[in-house]
Amino acid sequence: MLTITRAHIAEMIYTQIGLSRNESADLLEDVLERVATRLEQGESVKISGFGTFSIRQKGRRIGRNPKTGEEVPILPRRVLVFRPSHVLKAHVNGTTPGADDDE
């Protein structure tokens, strides 16, 4: 599995766009910070052709400890959800977007 790091993305911005290395790193950090801030505020973030990041509120529920079977309360929490766009899904599956409309 390939891990794409912030440094890798900043280097790609540097080589493909032509900003300096420092400007590329600053641009990347600014974009990631803006995405994180919007998500913290409970807003969705849509990246066209890629997907949508959103926050979902999960309620309190009862879970079980798998070793003991003891019931354990699971507290309410917010979870990050990613929904890929149809363009990304098609790219991953090696098809043309819109060619598989029976989903």
PDB file of N, CA and C in Angstrom:
ATOM      1  N   MET A   1       0.846  -1.175   0.000  1.00  0.00           N
ATOM      2  CA  MET A   1       0.000   0.000   0.000  1.00  0.00           C
ATOM      3  C   MET A   1       0.893   1.241   0.000  1.00  0.00           C
ATOM      4  N   LEU A   2       0.544   2.177  -0.850  1.00  0.00           N
ATOM      5  CA  LEU A   2       1.288   3.429  -0.956  1.00  0.00           C
ATOM      6  C   LEU A   2       0.669   4.465  -0.026  1.00  0.00           C
ATOM      7  N   THR A   3       1.479   5.068   0.811  1.00  0.00           N
ATOM      8  CA  THR A   3       1.017   6.151   1.667  1.00  0.00           C
ATOM      9  C   THR A   3       1.443   7.464   1.035  1.00  0.00           C
ATOM     10  N   ILE A   4       0.482   8.324   0.786  1.00  0.00           N
ATOM     11  CA  ILE A   4       0.778   9.631   0.219  1.00  0.00           C
ATOM     12  C   ILE A   4       0.897  10.606   1.379  1.00  0.00           C
ATOM     13  N   THR A   5       2.057  11.207   1.521  1.00  0.00           N
ATOM     14  CA  THR A   5       2.308  12.123   2.632  1.00  0.00           C
ATOM     15  C   THR A   5       2.084  13.571   2.200  1.00  0.00           C
ATOM     16  N   ARG A   6       2.019  14.436   3.188  1.00  0.00           N
ATOM     17  CA  ARG A   6       1.897  15.865   2.889  1.00  0.00           C
ATOM     18  C   ARG A   6       3.109  16.337   2.079  1.00  0.00           C
ATOM     19  N   ALA A   7       4.273  15.829   2.432  1.00  0.00           N
ATOM     20  CA  ALA A   7       5.492  16.208   1.708  1.00  0.00           C
ATOM     21  C   ALA A   7       5.404  15.782   0.245  1.00  0.00           C
ATOM     22  N   HIS A   8       4.856  14.597  -0.001  1.00  0.00           N
ATOM     23  CA  HIS A   8       4.699  14.100  -1.360  1.00  0.00           C
ATOM     24  C   HIS A   8       3.752  15.005  -2.151  1.00  0.00           C
ATOM     25  N   ILE A   9       2.625  15.373  -1.551  1.00  0.00           N
ATOM     26  CA  ILE A   9       1.662  16.241  -2.232  1.00  0.00           C
ATOM     27  C   ILE A   9       2.271  17.612  -2.487  1.00  0.00           C
ATOM     28  N   ALA A  10       2.968  18.162  -1.494  1.00  0.00           N
ATOM     29  CA  ALA A  10       3.610  19.468  -1.664  1.00  0.00           C
ATOM     30  C   ALA A  10       4.644  19.417  -2.787  1.00  0.00           C
ATOM     31  N   GLU A  11       5.372  18.323  -2.885  1.00  0.00           N
ATOM     32  CA  GLU A  11       6.365  18.166  -3.960  1.00  0.00           C
ATOM     33  C   GLU A  11       5.681  18.095  -5.324  1.00  0.00           C
ATOM     34  N   MET A  12       4.523  17.432  -5.380  1.00  0.00           N
ATOM     35  CA  MET A  12       3.774  17.356  -6.645  1.00  0.00           C
ATOM     36  C   MET A  12       3.261  18.743  -7.041  1.00  0.00           C
ATOM     37  N   ILE A  13       2.807  19.528  -6.068  1.00  0.00           N
ATOM     38  CA  ILE A  13       2.379  20.903  -6.360  1.00  0.00           C
ATOM     39  C   ILE A  13       3.562  21.700  -6.894  1.00  0.00           C
ATOM     40  N   TYR A  14       4.709  21.540  -6.256  1.00  0.00           N
ATOM     41  CA  TYR A  14       5.933  22.238  -6.672  1.00  0.00           C
ATOM     42  C   TYR A  14       6.299  21.902  -8.124  1.00  0.00           C
ATOM     43  N   THR A  15       6.296  20.613  -8.465  1.00  0.00           N
ATOM     44  CA  THR A  15       6.739  20.219  -9.802  1.00  0.00           C
ATOM     45  C   THR A  15       5.696  20.488 -10.884  1.00  0.00           C
ATOM     46  N   GLN A  16       4.430  20.357 -10.560  1.00  0.00           N
ATOM     47  CA  GLN A  16       3.398  20.480 -11.592  1.00  0.00           C
ATOM     48  C   GLN A  16       2.846  21.897 -11.739  1.00  0.00           C
ATOM     49  N   ILE A  17       2.882  22.686 -10.679  1.00  0.00           N
ATOM     50  CA  ILE A  17       2.302  24.024 -10.737  1.00  0.00           C
ATOM     51  C   ILE A  17       3.384  25.086 -10.819  1.00  0.00           C
ATOM     52  N   GLY A  18       4.518  24.820 -10.196  1.00  0.00           N
ATOM     53  CA  GLY A  18       5.617  25.764 -10.308  1.00  0.00           C
ATOM     54  C   GLY A  18       5.764  26.724  -9.146  1.00  0.00           C
ATOM     55  N   LEU A  19       4.976  26.529  -8.095  1.00  0.00           N
ATOM     56  CA  LEU A  19       5.199  27.349  -6.900  1.00  0.00           C
ATOM     57  C   LEU A  19       6.497  26.894  -6.239  1.00  0.00           C
ATOM     58  N   SER A  20       7.043  27.729  -5.382  1.00  0.00           N
ATOM     59  CA  SER A  20       8.245  27.313  -4.659  1.00  0.00           C
ATOM     60  C   SER A  20       7.869  26.182  -3.704  1.00  0.00           C
ATOM     61  N   ARG A  21       8.867  25.494  -3.199  1.00  0.00           N
ATOM     62  CA  ARG A  21       8.596  24.398  -2.255  1.00  0.00           C
ATOM     63  C   ARG A  21       7.881  24.917  -1.003  1.00  0.00           C
ATOM     64  N   ASN A  22       8.324  26.059  -0.500  1.00  0.00           N
ATOM     65  CA  ASN A  22       7.685  26.634   0.688  1.00  0.00           C
ATOM     66  C   ASN A  22       6.248  27.055   0.394  1.00  0.00           C
ATOM     67  N   GLU A  23       6.025  27.701  -0.753  1.00  0.00           N
ATOM     68  CA  GLU A  23       4.669  28.108  -1.125  1.00  0.00           C
ATOM     69  C   GLU A  23       3.768  26.892  -1.319  1.00  0.00           C
ATOM     70  N   SER A  24       4.306  25.828  -1.903  1.00  0.00           N
ATOM     71  CA  SER A  24       3.537  24.601  -2.118  1.00  0.00           C
ATOM     72  C   SER A  24       3.123  23.984  -0.793  1.00  0.00           C
ATOM     73  N   ALA A  25       4.052  23.917   0.150  1.00  0.00           N
ATOM     74  CA  ALA A  25       3.749  23.358   1.469  1.00  0.00           C
ATOM     75  C   ALA A  25       2.737  24.231   2.204  1.00  0.00           C
ATOM     76  N   ASP A  26       2.892  25.556   2.106  1.00  0.00           N
ATOM     77  CA  ASP A  26       1.950  26.478   2.759  1.00  0.00           C
ATOM     78  C   ASP A  26       0.554  26.355   2.153  1.00  0.00           C
ATOM     79  N   LEU A  27       0.472  26.242   0.829  1.00  0.00           N
ATOM     80  CA  LEU A  27      -0.813  26.088   0.151  1.00  0.00           C
ATOM     81  C   LEU A  27      -1.512  24.813   0.613  1.00  0.00           C
ATOM     82  N   LEU A  28      -0.782  23.724   0.642  1.00  0.00           N
ATOM     83  CA  LEU A  28      -1.352  22.444   1.080  1.00  0.00           C
ATOM     84  C   LEU A  28      -1.849  22.538   2.515  1.00  0.00           C
ATOM     85  N   GLU A  29      -1.048  23.089   3.407  1.00  0.00           N
ATOM     86  CA  GLU A  29      -1.447  23.216   4.808  1.00  0.00           C
ATOM     87  C   GLU A  29      -2.685  24.089   4.942  1.00  0.00           C
ATOM     88  N   ASP A  30      -2.767  25.149   4.154  1.00  0.00           N
ATOM     89  CA  ASP A  30      -3.923  26.039   4.201  1.00  0.00           C
ATOM     90  C   ASP A  30      -5.194  25.300   3.755  1.00  0.00           C
ATOM     91  N   VAL A  31      -5.106  24.545   2.678  1.00  0.00           N
ATOM     92  CA  VAL A  31      -6.265  23.788   2.187  1.00  0.00           C
ATOM     93  C   VAL A  31      -6.712  22.765   3.228  1.00  0.00           C
ATOM     94  N   LEU A  32      -5.774  22.007   3.774  1.00  0.00           N
ATOM     95  CA  LEU A  32      -6.124  20.987   4.768  1.00  0.00           C
ATOM     96  C   LEU A  32      -6.717  21.616   6.026  1.00  0.00           C
ATOM     97  N   GLU A  33      -6.183  22.750   6.435  1.00  0.00           N
ATOM     98  CA  GLU A  33      -6.707  23.450   7.615  1.00  0.00           C
ATOM     99  C   GLU A  33      -8.130  23.939   7.370  1.00  0.00           C
ATOM    100  N   ARG A  34      -8.398  24.451   6.168  1.00  0.00           N
ATOM    101  CA  ARG A  34      -9.752  24.916   5.842  1.00  0.00           C
ATOM    102  C   ARG A  34     -10.746  23.759   5.830  1.00  0.00           C
ATOM    103  N   VAL A  35     -10.337  22.625   5.288  1.00  0.00           N
ATOM    104  CA  VAL A  35     -11.207  21.442   5.278  1.00  0.00           C
ATOM    105  C   VAL A  35     -11.492  21.006   6.712  1.00  0.00           C
ATOM    106  N   ALA A  36     -10.456  20.908   7.530  1.00  0.00           N
ATOM    107  CA  ALA A  36     -10.616  20.474   8.915  1.00  0.00           C
ATOM    108  C   ALA A  36     -11.508  21.439   9.701  1.00  0.00           C
ATOM    109  N   THR A  37     -11.344  22.730   9.491  1.00  0.00           N
ATOM    110  CA  THR A  37     -12.149  23.730  10.194  1.00  0.00           C
ATOM    111  C   THR A  37     -13.622  23.591   9.840  1.00  0.00           C
ATOM    112  N   ARG A  38     -13.914  23.421   8.555  1.00  0.00           N
ATOM    113  CA  ARG A  38     -15.313  23.259   8.122  1.00  0.00           C
ATOM    114  C   ARG A  38     -15.925  22.008   8.740  1.00  0.00           C
ATOM    115  N   LEU A  39     -15.166  20.925   8.762  1.00  0.00           N
ATOM    116  CA  LEU A  39     -15.673  19.683   9.349  1.00  0.00           C
ATOM    117  C   LEU A  39     -15.902  19.844  10.851  1.00  0.00           C
ATOM    118  N   GLU A  40     -14.995  20.524  11.541  1.00  0.00           N
ATOM    119  CA  GLU A  40     -15.162  20.778  12.970  1.00  0.00           C
ATOM    120  C   GLU A  40     -16.438  21.568  13.239  1.00  0.00           C
ATOM    121  N   GLN A  41     -16.808  22.437  12.316  1.00  0.00           N
ATOM    122  CA  GLN A  41     -18.015  23.256  12.455  1.00  0.00           C
ATOM    123  C   GLN A  41     -19.277  22.480  12.062  1.00  0.00           C
ATOM    124  N   GLY A  42     -19.105  21.226  11.640  1.00  0.00           N
ATOM    125  CA  GLY A  42     -20.250  20.400  11.279  1.00  0.00           C
ATOM    126  C   GLY A  42     -20.695  20.546   9.838  1.00  0.00           C
ATOM    127  N   GLU A  43     -19.925  21.253   9.031  1.00  0.00           N
ATOM    128  CA  GLU A  43     -20.266  21.453   7.623  1.00  0.00           C
ATOM    129  C   GLU A  43     -19.682  20.322   6.778  1.00  0.00           C
ATOM    130  N   SER A  44     -20.313  20.074   5.632  1.00  0.00           N
ATOM    131  CA  SER A  44     -19.785  19.105   4.678  1.00  0.00           C
ATOM    132  C   SER A  44     -18.775  19.798   3.776  1.00  0.00           C
ATOM    133  N   VAL A  45     -17.818  19.023   3.266  1.00  0.00           N
ATOM    134  CA  VAL A  45     -16.829  19.542   2.331  1.00  0.00           C
ATOM    135  C   VAL A  45     -16.871  18.671   1.078  1.00  0.00           C
ATOM    136  N   LYS A  46     -17.244  19.295  -0.044  1.00  0.00           N
ATOM    137  CA  LYS A  46     -17.333  18.570  -1.310  1.00  0.00           C
ATOM    138  C   LYS A  46     -16.152  18.953  -2.186  1.00  0.00           C
ATOM    139  N   ILE A  47     -15.435  17.940  -2.665  1.00  0.00           N
ATOM    140  CA  ILE A  47     -14.352  18.150  -3.611  1.00  0.00           C
ATOM    141  C   ILE A  47     -14.840  17.554  -4.921  1.00  0.00           C
ATOM    142  N   SER A  48     -15.163  18.413  -5.872  1.00  0.00           N
ATOM    143  CA  SER A  48     -15.766  17.991  -7.129  1.00  0.00           C
ATOM    144  C   SER A  48     -14.915  16.930  -7.829  1.00  0.00           C
ATOM    145  N   GLY A  49     -15.556  15.853  -8.257  1.00  0.00           N
ATOM    146  CA  GLY A  49     -14.860  14.777  -8.943  1.00  0.00           C
ATOM    147  C   GLY A  49     -14.124  13.833  -8.015  1.00  0.00           C
ATOM    148  N   PHE A  50     -14.171  14.094  -6.714  1.00  0.00           N
ATOM    149  CA  PHE A  50     -13.484  13.243  -5.743  1.00  0.00           C
ATOM    150  C   PHE A  50     -14.467  12.667  -4.731  1.00  0.00           C
ATOM    151  N   GLY A  51     -15.173  13.546  -4.005  1.00  0.00           N
ATOM    152  CA  GLY A  51     -16.142  13.057  -3.042  1.00  0.00           C
ATOM    153  C   GLY A  51     -16.498  14.105  -2.011  1.00  0.00           C
ATOM    154  N   THR A  52     -17.292  13.676  -1.032  1.00  0.00           N
ATOM    155  CA  THR A  52     -17.777  14.572   0.004  1.00  0.00           C
ATOM    156  C   THR A  52     -17.409  14.030   1.377  1.00  0.00           C
ATOM    157  N   PHE A  53     -16.817  14.891   2.184  1.00  0.00           N
ATOM    158  CA  PHE A  53     -16.540  14.581   3.580  1.00  0.00           C
ATOM    159  C   PHE A  53     -17.641  15.230   4.401  1.00  0.00           C
ATOM    160  N   SER A  54     -18.208  14.494   5.342  1.00  0.00           N
ATOM    161  CA  SER A  54     -19.230  15.072   6.207  1.00  0.00           C
ATOM    162  C   SER A  54     -19.132  14.461   7.593  1.00  0.00           C
ATOM    163  N   ILE A  55     -19.825  15.101   8.525  1.00  0.00           N
ATOM    164  CA  ILE A  55     -19.847  14.653   9.914  1.00  0.00           C
ATOM    165  C   ILE A  55     -21.228  14.064  10.183  1.00  0.00           C
ATOM    166  N   ARG A  56     -21.253  12.922  10.833  1.00  0.00           N
ATOM    167  CA  ARG A  56     -22.514  12.289  11.213  1.00  0.00           C
ATOM    168  C   ARG A  56     -22.524  12.113  12.725  1.00  0.00           C
ATOM    169  N   GLN A  57     -23.645  12.431  13.329  1.00  0.00           N
ATOM    170  CA  GLN A  57     -23.795  12.286  14.776  1.00  0.00           C
ATOM    171  C   GLN A  57     -24.310  10.882  15.075  1.00  0.00           C
ATOM    172  N   LYS A  58     -23.601  10.149  15.900  1.00  0.00           N
ATOM    173  CA  LYS A  58     -24.050   8.826  16.321  1.00  0.00           C
ATOM    174  C   LYS A  58     -24.544   8.929  17.759  1.00  0.00           C
ATOM    175  N   GLY A  59     -25.662   8.312  18.022  1.00  0.00           N
ATOM    176  CA  GLY A  59     -26.261   8.373  19.345  1.00  0.00           C
ATOM    177  C   GLY A  59     -25.656   7.363  20.309  1.00  0.00           C
ATOM    178  N   ARG A  60     -26.091   7.479  21.561  1.00  0.00           N
ATOM    179  CA  ARG A  60     -25.661   6.542  22.596  1.00  0.00           C
ATOM    180  C   ARG A  60     -26.268   5.172  22.300  1.00  0.00           C
ATOM    181  N   ARG A  61     -25.488   4.144  22.546  1.00  0.00           N
ATOM    182  CA  ARG A  61     -25.998   2.781  22.363  1.00  0.00           C
ATOM    183  C   ARG A  61     -25.276   1.842  23.310  1.00  0.00           C
ATOM    184  N   ILE A  62     -25.770   0.632  23.383  1.00  0.00           N
ATOM    185  CA  ILE A  62     -25.158  -0.379  24.243  1.00  0.00           C
ATOM    186  C   ILE A  62     -24.377  -1.349  23.359  1.00  0.00           C
ATOM    187  N   GLY A  63     -23.118  -1.557  23.710  1.00  0.00           N
ATOM    188  CA  GLY A  63     -22.274  -2.528  23.021  1.00  0.00           C
ATOM    189  C   GLY A  63     -21.924  -3.653  23.969  1.00  0.00           C
ATOM    190  N   ARG A  64     -21.185  -4.594  23.470  1.00  0.00           N
ATOM    191  CA  ARG A  64     -20.768  -5.721  24.306  1.00  0.00           C
ATOM    192  C   ARG A  64     -19.263  -5.905  24.204  1.00  0.00           C
ATOM    193  N   ASN A  65     -18.645  -6.206  25.347  1.00  0.00           N
ATOM    194  CA  ASN A  65     -17.239  -6.559  25.378  1.00  0.00           C
ATOM    195  C   ASN A  65     -17.140  -7.959  24.766  1.00  0.00           C
ATOM    196  N   PRO A  66     -16.393  -8.126  23.672  1.00  0.00           N
ATOM    197  CA  PRO A  66     -16.345  -9.432  23.010  1.00  0.00           C
ATOM    198  C   PRO A  66     -15.727 -10.540  23.860  1.00  0.00           C
ATOM    199  N   LYS A  67     -14.858 -10.186  24.805  1.00  0.00           N
ATOM    200  CA  LYS A  67     -14.234 -11.214  25.643  1.00  0.00           C
ATOM    201  C   LYS A  67     -15.152 -11.686  26.761  1.00  0.00           C
ATOM    202  N   THR A  68     -15.842 -10.737  27.393  1.00  0.00           N
ATOM    203  CA  THR A  68     -16.637 -11.096  28.572  1.00  0.00           C
ATOM    204  C   THR A  68     -18.135 -11.138  28.297  1.00  0.00           C
ATOM    205  N   GLY A  69     -18.572 -10.524  27.198  1.00  0.00           N
ATOM    206  CA  GLY A  69     -19.998 -10.454  26.917  1.00  0.00           C
ATOM    207  C   GLY A  69     -20.710  -9.391  27.730  1.00  0.00           C
ATOM    208  N   GLU A  70     -19.965  -8.669  28.564  1.00  0.00           N
ATOM    209  CA  GLU A  70     -20.534  -7.630  29.422  1.00  0.00           C
ATOM    210  C   GLU A  70     -21.026  -6.459  28.580  1.00  0.00           C
ATOM    211  N   GLU A  71     -22.209  -5.936  28.907  1.00  0.00           N
ATOM    212  CA  GLU A  71     -22.733  -4.775  28.211  1.00  0.00           C
ATOM    213  C   GLU A  71     -21.949  -3.528  28.618  1.00  0.00           C
ATOM    214  N   VAL A  72     -21.627  -2.706  27.624  1.00  0.00           N
ATOM    215  CA  VAL A  72     -20.845  -1.495  27.851  1.00  0.00           C
ATOM    216  C   VAL A  72     -21.529  -0.354  27.105  1.00  0.00           C
ATOM    217  N   PRO A  73     -21.760   0.777  27.760  1.00  0.00           N
ATOM    218  CA  PRO A  73     -22.375   1.906  27.050  1.00  0.00           C
ATOM    219  C   PRO A  73     -21.363   2.552  26.096  1.00  0.00           C
ATOM    220  N   ILE A  74     -21.825   2.834  24.892  1.00  0.00           N
ATOM    221  CA  ILE A  74     -21.005   3.560  23.916  1.00  0.00           C
ATOM    222  C   ILE A  74     -21.588   4.969  23.853  1.00  0.00           C
ATOM    223  N   LEU A  75     -20.780   5.958  24.177  1.00  0.00           N
ATOM    224  CA  LEU A  75     -21.237   7.338  24.286  1.00  0.00           C
ATOM    225  C   LEU A  75     -21.522   7.950  22.914  1.00  0.00           C
ATOM    226  N   PRO A  76     -22.387   8.969  22.869  1.00  0.00           N
ATOM    227  CA  PRO A  76     -22.638   9.670  21.602  1.00  0.00           C
ATOM    228  C   PRO A  76     -21.351  10.295  21.087  1.00  0.00           C
ATOM    229  N   ARG A  77     -21.227  10.330  19.786  1.00  0.00           N
ATOM    230  CA  ARG A  77     -20.017  10.916  19.201  1.00  0.00           C
ATOM    231  C   ARG A  77     -20.271  11.343  17.766  1.00  0.00           C
ATOM    232  N   ARG A  78     -19.358  12.145  17.256  1.00  0.00           N
ATOM    233  CA  ARG A  78     -19.419  12.553  15.852  1.00  0.00           C
ATOM    234  C   ARG A  78     -18.394  11.724  15.093  1.00  0.00           C
ATOM    235  N   VAL A  79     -18.774  11.274  13.896  1.00  0.00           N
ATOM    236  CA  VAL A  79     -17.858  10.483  13.082  1.00  0.00           C
ATOM    237  C   VAL A  79     -17.707  11.133  11.712  1.00  0.00           C
ATOM    238  N   LEU A  80     -16.532  10.997  11.148  1.00  0.00           N
ATOM    239  CA  LEU A  80     -16.244  11.513   9.815  1.00  0.00           C
ATOM    240  C   LEU A  80     -16.661  10.479   8.787  1.00  0.00           C
ATOM    241  N   VAL A  81     -17.410  10.925   7.775  1.00  0.00           N
ATOM    242  CA  VAL A  81     -17.900  10.040   6.731  1.00  0.00           C
ATOM    243  C   VAL A  81     -17.389  10.558   5.390  1.00  0.00           C
ATOM    244  N   PHE A  82     -16.915   9.657   4.542  1.00  0.00           N
ATOM    245  CA  PHE A  82     -16.504  10.031   3.189  1.00  0.00           C
ATOM    246  C   PHE A  82     -17.374   9.297   2.190  1.00  0.00           C
ATOM    247  N   ARG A  83     -17.956  10.038   1.278  1.00  0.00           N
ATOM    248  CA  ARG A  83     -18.772   9.443   0.218  1.00  0.00           C
ATOM    249  C   ARG A  83     -18.092   9.785  -1.113  1.00  0.00           C
ATOM    250  N   PRO A  84     -17.543   8.788  -1.795  1.00  0.00           N
ATOM    251  CA  PRO A  84     -16.844   9.071  -3.054  1.00  0.00           C
ATOM    252  C   PRO A  84     -17.814   9.503  -4.145  1.00  0.00           C
ATOM    253  N   SER A  85     -17.328  10.340  -5.050  1.00  0.00           N
ATOM    254  CA  SER A  85     -18.145  10.776  -6.180  1.00  0.00           C
ATOM    255  C   SER A  85     -18.267   9.647  -7.193  1.00  0.00           C
ATOM    256  N   HIS A  86     -19.241   9.768  -8.080  1.00  0.00           N
ATOM    257  CA  HIS A  86     -19.387   8.747  -9.117  1.00  0.00           C
ATOM    258  C   HIS A  86     -18.182   8.746 -10.055  1.00  0.00           C
ATOM    259  N   VAL A  87     -17.534   9.900 -10.201  1.00  0.00           N
ATOM    260  CA  VAL A  87     -16.336   9.987 -11.042  1.00  0.00           C
ATOM    261  C   VAL A  87     -15.207   9.159 -10.423  1.00  0.00           C
ATOM    262  N   LEU A  88     -14.998   9.295  -9.112  1.00  0.00           N
ATOM    263  CA  LEU A  88     -13.955   8.528  -8.433  1.00  0.00           C
ATOM    264  C   LEU A  88     -14.273   7.036  -8.462  1.00  0.00           C
ATOM    265  N   LYS A  89     -15.538   6.685  -8.216  1.00  0.00           N
ATOM    266  CA  LYS A  89     -15.939   5.275  -8.261  1.00  0.00           C
ATOM    267  C   LYS A  89     -15.658   4.679  -9.631  1.00  0.00           C
ATOM    268  N   ALA A  90     -16.012   5.418 -10.679  1.00  0.00           N
ATOM    269  CA  ALA A  90     -15.782   4.930 -12.039  1.00  0.00           C
ATOM    270  C   ALA A  90     -14.295   4.779 -12.323  1.00  0.00           C
ATOM    271  N   HIS A  91     -13.502   5.740 -11.863  1.00  0.00           N
ATOM    272  CA  HIS A  91     -12.052   5.677 -12.073  1.00  0.00           C
ATOM    273  C   HIS A  91     -11.453   4.453 -11.394  1.00  0.00           C
ATOM    274  N   VAL A  92     -11.879   4.196 -10.159  1.00  0.00           N
ATOM    275  CA  VAL A  92     -11.375   3.041  -9.409  1.00  0.00           C
ATOM    276  C   VAL A  92     -11.763   1.736 -10.099  1.00  0.00           C
ATOM    277  N   ASN A  93     -12.967   1.703 -10.677  1.00  0.00           N
ATOM    278  CA  ASN A  93     -13.456   0.490 -11.333  1.00  0.00           C
ATOM    279  C   ASN A  93     -13.051   0.382 -12.799  1.00  0.00           C
ATOM    280  N   GLY A  94     -12.323   1.388 -13.308  1.00  0.00           N
ATOM    281  CA  GLY A  94     -11.852   1.335 -14.687  1.00  0.00           C
ATOM    282  C   GLY A  94     -12.957   1.518 -15.703  1.00  0.00           C
ATOM    283  N   THR A  95     -14.005   2.250 -15.330  1.00  0.00           N
ATOM    284  CA  THR A  95     -15.112   2.495 -16.258  1.00  0.00           C
ATOM    285  C   THR A  95     -15.234   3.981 -16.507  1.00  0.00           C
ATOM    286  N   THR A  96     -16.168   4.330 -17.393  1.00  0.00           N
ATOM    287  CA  THR A  96     -16.448   5.722 -17.705  1.00  0.00           C
ATOM    288  C   THR A  96     -17.547   6.232 -16.788  1.00  0.00           C
ATOM    289  N   PRO A  97     -17.411   7.427 -16.223  1.00  0.00           N
ATOM    290  CA  PRO A  97     -18.479   7.950 -15.367  1.00  0.00           C
ATOM    291  C   PRO A  97     -19.806   7.990 -16.110  1.00  0.00           C
ATOM    292  N   GLY A  98     -20.859   7.533 -15.461  1.00  0.00           N
ATOM    293  CA  GLY A  98     -22.180   7.510 -16.078  1.00  0.00           C
ATOM    294  C   GLY A  98     -22.474   6.260 -16.863  1.00  0.00           C
ATOM    295  N   ALA A  99     -21.466   5.418 -17.121  1.00  0.00           N
ATOM    296  CA  ALA A  99     -21.676   4.190 -17.896  1.00  0.00           C
ATOM    297  C   ALA A  99     -22.380   3.130 -17.072  1.00  0.00           C
ATOM    298  N   ASP A 100     -22.259   3.197 -15.744  1.00  0.00           N
ATOM    299  CA  ASP A 100     -22.878   2.205 -14.868  1.00  0.00           C
ATOM    300  C   ASP A 100     -23.915   2.904 -14.000  1.00  0.00           C
ATOM    301  N   ASP A 101     -25.062   3.245 -14.605  1.00  0.00           N
ATOM    302  CA  ASP A 101     -26.088   4.025 -13.918  1.00  0.00           C
ATOM    303  C   ASP A 101     -27.063   3.200 -13.124  1.00  0.00           C
ATOM    304  N   ASP A 102     -26.843   1.892 -12.941  1.00  0.00           N
ATOM    305  CA  ASP A 102     -27.793   1.075 -12.205  1.00  0.00           C
ATOM    306  C   ASP A 102     -27.511   1.038 -10.710  1.00  0.00           C
ATOM    307  N   GLU A 103     -26.636   1.928 -10.188  1.00  0.00           N
ATOM    308  CA  GLU A 103     -26.353   1.971  -8.740  1.00  0.00           C
ATOM    309  C   GLU A 103     -27.442   2.671  -8.006  1.00  0.00           C
TER     310      GLU A 103
END
